[in-house]
Structure formats: structure tokens, C-alpha cells
PDB file of all heavy atoms in Angstrom:
ATOM      1  N   THR A   1      24.246   3.219   8.775  1.00  0.00           N
ATOM      2  CA  THR A   1      25.541   3.197   9.532  1.00  0.00           C
ATOM      3  C   THR A   1      26.739   3.342   8.610  1.00  0.00           C
ATOM      4  O   THR A   1      27.891   3.449   9.046  1.00  0.00           O
ATOM      5  CB  THR A   1      25.660   1.869  10.287  1.00  0.00           C
ATOM      6  OG1 THR A   1      25.646   0.813   9.303  1.00  0.00           O
ATOM      7  CG2 THR A   1      24.558   1.675  11.271  1.00  0.00           C
ATOM      8  N   GLY A   2      26.519   3.320   7.215  1.00  0.00           N
ATOM      9  CA  GLY A   2      27.606   3.358   6.248  1.00  0.00           C
ATOM     10  C   GLY A   2      28.046   2.001   5.771  1.00  0.00           C
ATOM     11  O   GLY A   2      28.801   1.885   4.812  1.00  0.00           O
ATOM     12  N   LYS A   3      27.565   0.949   6.470  1.00  0.00           N
ATOM     13  CA  LYS A   3      27.926  -0.378   6.054  1.00  0.00           C
ATOM     14  C   LYS A   3      27.128  -0.824   4.796  1.00  0.00           C
ATOM     15  O   LYS A   3      25.994  -0.363   4.623  1.00  0.00           O
ATOM     16  CB  LYS A   3      27.589  -1.401   7.172  1.00  0.00           C
ATOM     17  CG  LYS A   3      28.107  -2.761   6.911  1.00  0.00           C
ATOM     18  CD  LYS A   3      27.951  -3.658   8.172  1.00  0.00           C
ATOM     19  CE  LYS A   3      28.584  -4.970   7.891  1.00  0.00           C
ATOM     20  NZ  LYS A   3      28.597  -5.839   9.125  1.00  0.00           N
ATOM     21  N   LYS A   4      27.742  -1.562   3.939  1.00  0.00           N
ATOM     22  CA  LYS A   4      27.084  -2.082   2.705  1.00  0.00           C
ATOM     23  C   LYS A   4      27.124  -3.579   2.684  1.00  0.00           C
ATOM     24  O   LYS A   4      28.154  -4.188   3.124  1.00  0.00           O
ATOM     25  CB  LYS A   4      27.789  -1.575   1.454  1.00  0.00           C
ATOM     26  CG  LYS A   4      27.587  -0.045   1.305  1.00  0.00           C
ATOM     27  CD  LYS A   4      28.262   0.420   0.004  1.00  0.00           C
ATOM     28  CE  LYS A   4      28.198   1.925  -0.079  1.00  0.00           C
ATOM     29  NZ  LYS A   4      27.147   2.382  -0.983  1.00  0.00           N
ATOM     30  N   LEU A   5      26.045  -4.245   2.289  1.00  0.00           N
ATOM     31  CA  LEU A   5      25.948  -5.688   2.245  1.00  0.00           C
ATOM     32  C   LEU A   5      25.599  -6.082   0.813  1.00  0.00           C
ATOM     33  O   LEU A   5      24.733  -5.563   0.246  1.00  0.00           O
ATOM     34  CB  LEU A   5      24.876  -6.207   3.166  1.00  0.00           C
ATOM     35  CG  LEU A   5      24.930  -5.800   4.658  1.00  0.00           C
ATOM     36  CD1 LEU A   5      23.668  -6.189   5.371  1.00  0.00           C
ATOM     37  CD2 LEU A   5      26.103  -6.525   5.269  1.00  0.00           C
ATOM     38  N   MET A   6      26.350  -7.087   0.269  1.00  0.00           N
ATOM     39  CA  MET A   6      26.034  -7.682  -1.007  1.00  0.00           C
ATOM     40  C   MET A   6      25.240  -8.939  -0.759  1.00  0.00           C
ATOM     41  O   MET A   6      25.719  -9.838   0.012  1.00  0.00           O
ATOM     42  CB  MET A   6      27.285  -8.013  -1.782  1.00  0.00           C
ATOM     43  CG  MET A   6      27.020  -8.359  -3.191  1.00  0.00           C
ATOM     44  SD  MET A   6      28.505  -8.731  -4.150  1.00  0.00           S
ATOM     45  CE  MET A   6      29.476  -7.266  -3.950  1.00  0.00           C
ATOM     46  N   VAL A   7      24.033  -8.998  -1.264  1.00  0.00           N
ATOM     47  CA  VAL A   7      23.129 -10.152  -0.992  1.00  0.00           C
ATOM     48  C   VAL A   7      22.638 -10.811  -2.230  1.00  0.00           C
ATOM     49  O   VAL A   7      22.704 -10.197  -3.368  1.00  0.00           O
ATOM     50  CB  VAL A   7      21.961  -9.699  -0.084  1.00  0.00           C
ATOM     51  CG1 VAL A   7      22.410  -9.178   1.209  1.00  0.00           C
ATOM     52  CG2 VAL A   7      21.123  -8.711  -0.805  1.00  0.00           C
ATOM     53  N   VAL A   8      22.163 -12.043  -2.161  1.00  0.00           N
ATOM     54  CA  VAL A   8      21.719 -12.790  -3.349  1.00  0.00           C
ATOM     55  C   VAL A   8      20.298 -12.435  -3.730  1.00  0.00           C
ATOM     56  O   VAL A   8      19.904 -12.618  -4.889  1.00  0.00           O
ATOM     57  CB  VAL A   8      21.860 -14.282  -3.145  1.00  0.00           C
ATOM     58  CG1 VAL A   8      23.292 -14.650  -3.003  1.00  0.00           C
ATOM     59  CG2 VAL A   8      21.015 -14.805  -2.030  1.00  0.00           C
ATOM     60  N   GLU A   9      19.483 -11.898  -2.750  1.00  0.00           N
ATOM     61  CA  GLU A   9      18.105 -11.572  -3.083  1.00  0.00           C
ATOM     62  C   GLU A   9      18.017 -10.393  -4.066  1.00  0.00           C
ATOM     63  O   GLU A   9      18.936  -9.543  -4.044  1.00  0.00           O
ATOM     64  CB  GLU A   9      17.336 -11.186  -1.740  1.00  0.00           C
ATOM     65  CG  GLU A   9      17.047 -12.350  -0.888  1.00  0.00           C
ATOM     66  CD  GLU A   9      18.263 -12.671   0.077  1.00  0.00           C
ATOM     67  OE1 GLU A   9      19.287 -12.028  -0.008  1.00  0.00           O
ATOM     68  OE2 GLU A   9      18.069 -13.559   0.910  1.00  0.00           O
ATOM     69  N   SER A  10      17.001 -10.374  -4.897  1.00  0.00           N
ATOM     70  CA  SER A  10      16.805  -9.252  -5.793  1.00  0.00           C
ATOM     71  C   SER A  10      16.329  -8.032  -4.999  1.00  0.00           C
ATOM     72  O   SER A  10      15.855  -8.145  -3.842  1.00  0.00           O
ATOM     73  CB  SER A  10      15.767  -9.634  -6.876  1.00  0.00           C
ATOM     74  OG  SER A  10      14.487  -9.735  -6.192  1.00  0.00           O
ATOM     75  N   VAL A  11      16.444  -6.873  -5.623  1.00  0.00           N
ATOM     76  CA  VAL A  11      15.916  -5.662  -5.012  1.00  0.00           C
ATOM     77  C   VAL A  11      14.490  -5.781  -4.632  1.00  0.00           C
ATOM     78  O   VAL A  11      14.082  -5.527  -3.503  1.00  0.00           O
ATOM     79  CB  VAL A  11      16.156  -4.418  -5.960  1.00  0.00           C
ATOM     80  CG1 VAL A  11      15.404  -3.205  -5.429  1.00  0.00           C
ATOM     81  CG2 VAL A  11      17.585  -4.164  -6.119  1.00  0.00           C
ATOM     82  N   ASP A  12      13.655  -6.346  -5.548  1.00  0.00           N
ATOM     83  CA  ASP A  12      12.219  -6.492  -5.280  1.00  0.00           C
ATOM     84  C   ASP A  12      11.960  -7.492  -4.054  1.00  0.00           C
ATOM     85  O   ASP A  12      11.089  -7.194  -3.304  1.00  0.00           O
ATOM     86  CB  ASP A  12      11.505  -7.077  -6.479  1.00  0.00           C
ATOM     87  CG  ASP A  12      11.366  -5.995  -7.635  1.00  0.00           C
ATOM     88  OD1 ASP A  12      11.474  -4.785  -7.276  1.00  0.00           O
ATOM     89  OD2 ASP A  12      11.260  -6.367  -8.728  1.00  0.00           O
ATOM     90  N   HIS A  13      12.767  -8.478  -3.968  1.00  0.00           N
ATOM     91  CA  HIS A  13      12.633  -9.483  -2.894  1.00  0.00           C
ATOM     92  C   HIS A  13      12.947  -8.851  -1.569  1.00  0.00           C
ATOM     93  O   HIS A  13      12.340  -9.070  -0.522  1.00  0.00           O
ATOM     94  CB  HIS A  13      13.500 -10.754  -3.142  1.00  0.00           C
ATOM     95  CG  HIS A  13      13.037 -11.834  -2.291  1.00  0.00           C
ATOM     96  ND1 HIS A  13      13.882 -12.883  -2.071  1.00  0.00           N
ATOM     97  CD2 HIS A  13      12.000 -12.096  -1.550  1.00  0.00           C
ATOM     98  CE1 HIS A  13      13.290 -13.842  -1.276  1.00  0.00           C
ATOM     99  NE2 HIS A  13      12.168 -13.347  -0.918  1.00  0.00           N
ATOM    100  N   VAL A  14      14.012  -8.041  -1.546  1.00  0.00           N
ATOM    101  CA  VAL A  14      14.372  -7.333  -0.268  1.00  0.00           C
ATOM    102  C   VAL A  14      13.270  -6.394   0.101  1.00  0.00           C
ATOM    103  O   VAL A  14      12.846  -6.307   1.311  1.00  0.00           O
ATOM    104  CB  VAL A  14      15.735  -6.550  -0.418  1.00  0.00           C
ATOM    105  CG1 VAL A  14      16.034  -5.747   0.859  1.00  0.00           C
ATOM    106  CG2 VAL A  14      16.871  -7.532  -0.689  1.00  0.00           C
ATOM    107  N   ILE A  15      12.702  -5.665  -0.867  1.00  0.00           N
ATOM    108  CA  ILE A  15      11.612  -4.726  -0.553  1.00  0.00           C
ATOM    109  C   ILE A  15      10.407  -5.510  -0.010  1.00  0.00           C
ATOM    110  O   ILE A  15       9.782  -5.088   0.980  1.00  0.00           O
ATOM    111  CB  ILE A  15      11.207  -3.943  -1.854  1.00  0.00           C
ATOM    112  CG1 ILE A  15      12.319  -2.939  -2.172  1.00  0.00           C
ATOM    113  CG2 ILE A  15       9.879  -3.235  -1.667  1.00  0.00           C
ATOM    114  CD1 ILE A  15      12.234  -2.377  -3.534  1.00  0.00           C
ATOM    115  N   GLU A  16      10.090  -6.639  -0.610  1.00  0.00           N
ATOM    116  CA  GLU A  16       8.984  -7.502  -0.132  1.00  0.00           C
ATOM    117  C   GLU A  16       9.226  -7.919   1.350  1.00  0.00           C
ATOM    118  O   GLU A  16       8.277  -7.855   2.127  1.00  0.00           O
ATOM    119  CB  GLU A  16       8.815  -8.770  -0.965  1.00  0.00           C
ATOM    120  CG  GLU A  16       8.243  -8.449  -2.288  1.00  0.00           C
ATOM    121  CD  GLU A  16       8.271  -9.656  -3.249  1.00  0.00           C
ATOM    122  OE1 GLU A  16       8.453 -10.790  -2.738  1.00  0.00           O
ATOM    123  OE2 GLU A  16       8.068  -9.518  -4.487  1.00  0.00           O
ATOM    124  N   LYS A  17      10.447  -8.267   1.653  1.00  0.00           N
ATOM    125  CA  LYS A  17      10.740  -8.722   3.077  1.00  0.00           C
ATOM    126  C   LYS A  17      10.607  -7.526   4.023  1.00  0.00           C
ATOM    127  O   LYS A  17      10.067  -7.706   5.117  1.00  0.00           O
ATOM    128  CB  LYS A  17      12.127  -9.290   3.138  1.00  0.00           C
ATOM    129  CG  LYS A  17      12.271 -10.647   2.523  1.00  0.00           C
ATOM    130  CD  LYS A  17      13.659 -11.218   2.659  1.00  0.00           C
ATOM    131  CE  LYS A  17      13.737 -12.622   2.230  1.00  0.00           C
ATOM    132  NZ  LYS A  17      14.452 -13.472   3.148  1.00  0.00           N
ATOM    133  N   VAL A  18      11.053  -6.359   3.591  1.00  0.00           N
ATOM    134  CA  VAL A  18      10.926  -5.170   4.486  1.00  0.00           C
ATOM    135  C   VAL A  18       9.387  -4.829   4.676  1.00  0.00           C
ATOM    136  O   VAL A  18       8.954  -4.522   5.796  1.00  0.00           O
ATOM    137  CB  VAL A  18      11.700  -3.950   3.913  1.00  0.00           C
ATOM    138  CG1 VAL A  18      11.397  -2.667   4.644  1.00  0.00           C
ATOM    139  CG2 VAL A  18      13.210  -4.291   3.965  1.00  0.00           C
ATOM    140  N   MET A  19       8.653  -4.899   3.571  1.00  0.00           N
ATOM    141  CA  MET A  19       7.234  -4.575   3.664  1.00  0.00           C
ATOM    142  C   MET A  19       6.512  -5.614   4.632  1.00  0.00           C
ATOM    143  O   MET A  19       5.677  -5.220   5.421  1.00  0.00           O
ATOM    144  CB  MET A  19       6.544  -4.573   2.335  1.00  0.00           C
ATOM    145  CG  MET A  19       7.032  -3.375   1.477  1.00  0.00           C
ATOM    146  SD  MET A  19       6.505  -3.350  -0.233  1.00  0.00           S
ATOM    147  CE  MET A  19       4.714  -3.259  -0.024  1.00  0.00           C
ATOM    148  N   ALA A  20       6.861  -6.883   4.499  1.00  0.00           N
ATOM    149  CA  ALA A  20       6.250  -7.895   5.377  1.00  0.00           C
ATOM    150  C   ALA A  20       6.616  -7.628   6.832  1.00  0.00           C
ATOM    151  O   ALA A  20       5.778  -7.721   7.707  1.00  0.00           O
ATOM    152  CB  ALA A  20       6.756  -9.277   4.982  1.00  0.00           C
ATOM    153  N   TYR A  21       7.856  -7.234   7.072  1.00  0.00           N
ATOM    154  CA  TYR A  21       8.292  -6.897   8.444  1.00  0.00           C
ATOM    155  C   TYR A  21       7.480  -5.701   8.939  1.00  0.00           C
ATOM    156  O   TYR A  21       6.990  -5.717  10.123  1.00  0.00           O
ATOM    157  CB  TYR A  21       9.807  -6.541   8.354  1.00  0.00           C
ATOM    158  CG  TYR A  21      10.297  -5.711   9.552  1.00  0.00           C
ATOM    159  CD1 TYR A  21      10.540  -6.359  10.788  1.00  0.00           C
ATOM    160  CD2 TYR A  21      10.478  -4.374   9.468  1.00  0.00           C
ATOM    161  CE1 TYR A  21      10.990  -5.594  11.848  1.00  0.00           C
ATOM    162  CE2 TYR A  21      10.965  -3.606  10.569  1.00  0.00           C
ATOM    163  CZ  TYR A  21      11.221  -4.231  11.743  1.00  0.00           C
ATOM    164  OH  TYR A  21      11.667  -3.531  12.837  1.00  0.00           O
ATOM    165  N   ARG A  22       7.286  -4.675   8.173  1.00  0.00           N
ATOM    166  CA  ARG A  22       6.562  -3.461   8.674  1.00  0.00           C
ATOM    167  C   ARG A  22       5.065  -3.867   8.909  1.00  0.00           C
ATOM    168  O   ARG A  22       4.482  -3.309   9.781  1.00  0.00           O
ATOM    169  CB  ARG A  22       6.753  -2.351   7.629  1.00  0.00           C
ATOM    170  CG  ARG A  22       8.196  -1.932   7.704  1.00  0.00           C
ATOM    171  CD  ARG A  22       8.359  -0.579   7.219  1.00  0.00           C
ATOM    172  NE  ARG A  22       9.784  -0.277   7.294  1.00  0.00           N
ATOM    173  CZ  ARG A  22      10.281   0.946   7.154  1.00  0.00           C
ATOM    174  NH1 ARG A  22       9.511   1.938   6.841  1.00  0.00           N
ATOM    175  NH2 ARG A  22      11.556   1.142   7.165  1.00  0.00           N
ATOM    176  N   ARG A  23       4.515  -4.691   7.993  1.00  0.00           N
ATOM    177  CA  ARG A  23       3.135  -5.174   8.208  1.00  0.00           C
ATOM    178  C   ARG A  23       3.035  -5.872   9.535  1.00  0.00           C
ATOM    179  O   ARG A  23       2.046  -5.710  10.289  1.00  0.00           O
ATOM    180  CB  ARG A  23       2.668  -5.986   7.063  1.00  0.00           C
ATOM    181  CG  ARG A  23       2.037  -5.244   5.920  1.00  0.00           C
ATOM    182  CD  ARG A  23       1.307  -6.155   4.986  1.00  0.00           C
ATOM    183  NE  ARG A  23       2.171  -7.107   4.247  1.00  0.00           N
ATOM    184  CZ  ARG A  23       2.804  -6.822   3.154  1.00  0.00           C
ATOM    185  NH1 ARG A  23       2.706  -5.599   2.608  1.00  0.00           N
ATOM    186  NH2 ARG A  23       3.632  -7.711   2.551  1.00  0.00           N
ATOM    187  N   ALA A  24       4.010  -6.714   9.808  1.00  0.00           N
ATOM    188  CA  ALA A  24       4.004  -7.481  11.060  1.00  0.00           C
ATOM    189  C   ALA A  24       4.060  -6.569  12.275  1.00  0.00           C
ATOM    190  O   ALA A  24       3.427  -6.831  13.332  1.00  0.00           O
ATOM    191  CB  ALA A  24       5.149  -8.483  11.102  1.00  0.00           C
TER     192      ALA A  24
END
């Protein structure tokens, strides 16, 4: 959408969360 979010999680942790979501 063009929006950017600054988050505290590391890149690897965000990837892990996305992968867990897709597995679910």
C-alpha cells in the first residue's frame, strides 16, 4: 500500500512470524 512500519522485531523474527502464519 506504500505504508512503512518501523518495528522492534528483527528481520528474521518478522520472517518467522510470516512463515508461521502461512503454515497455519
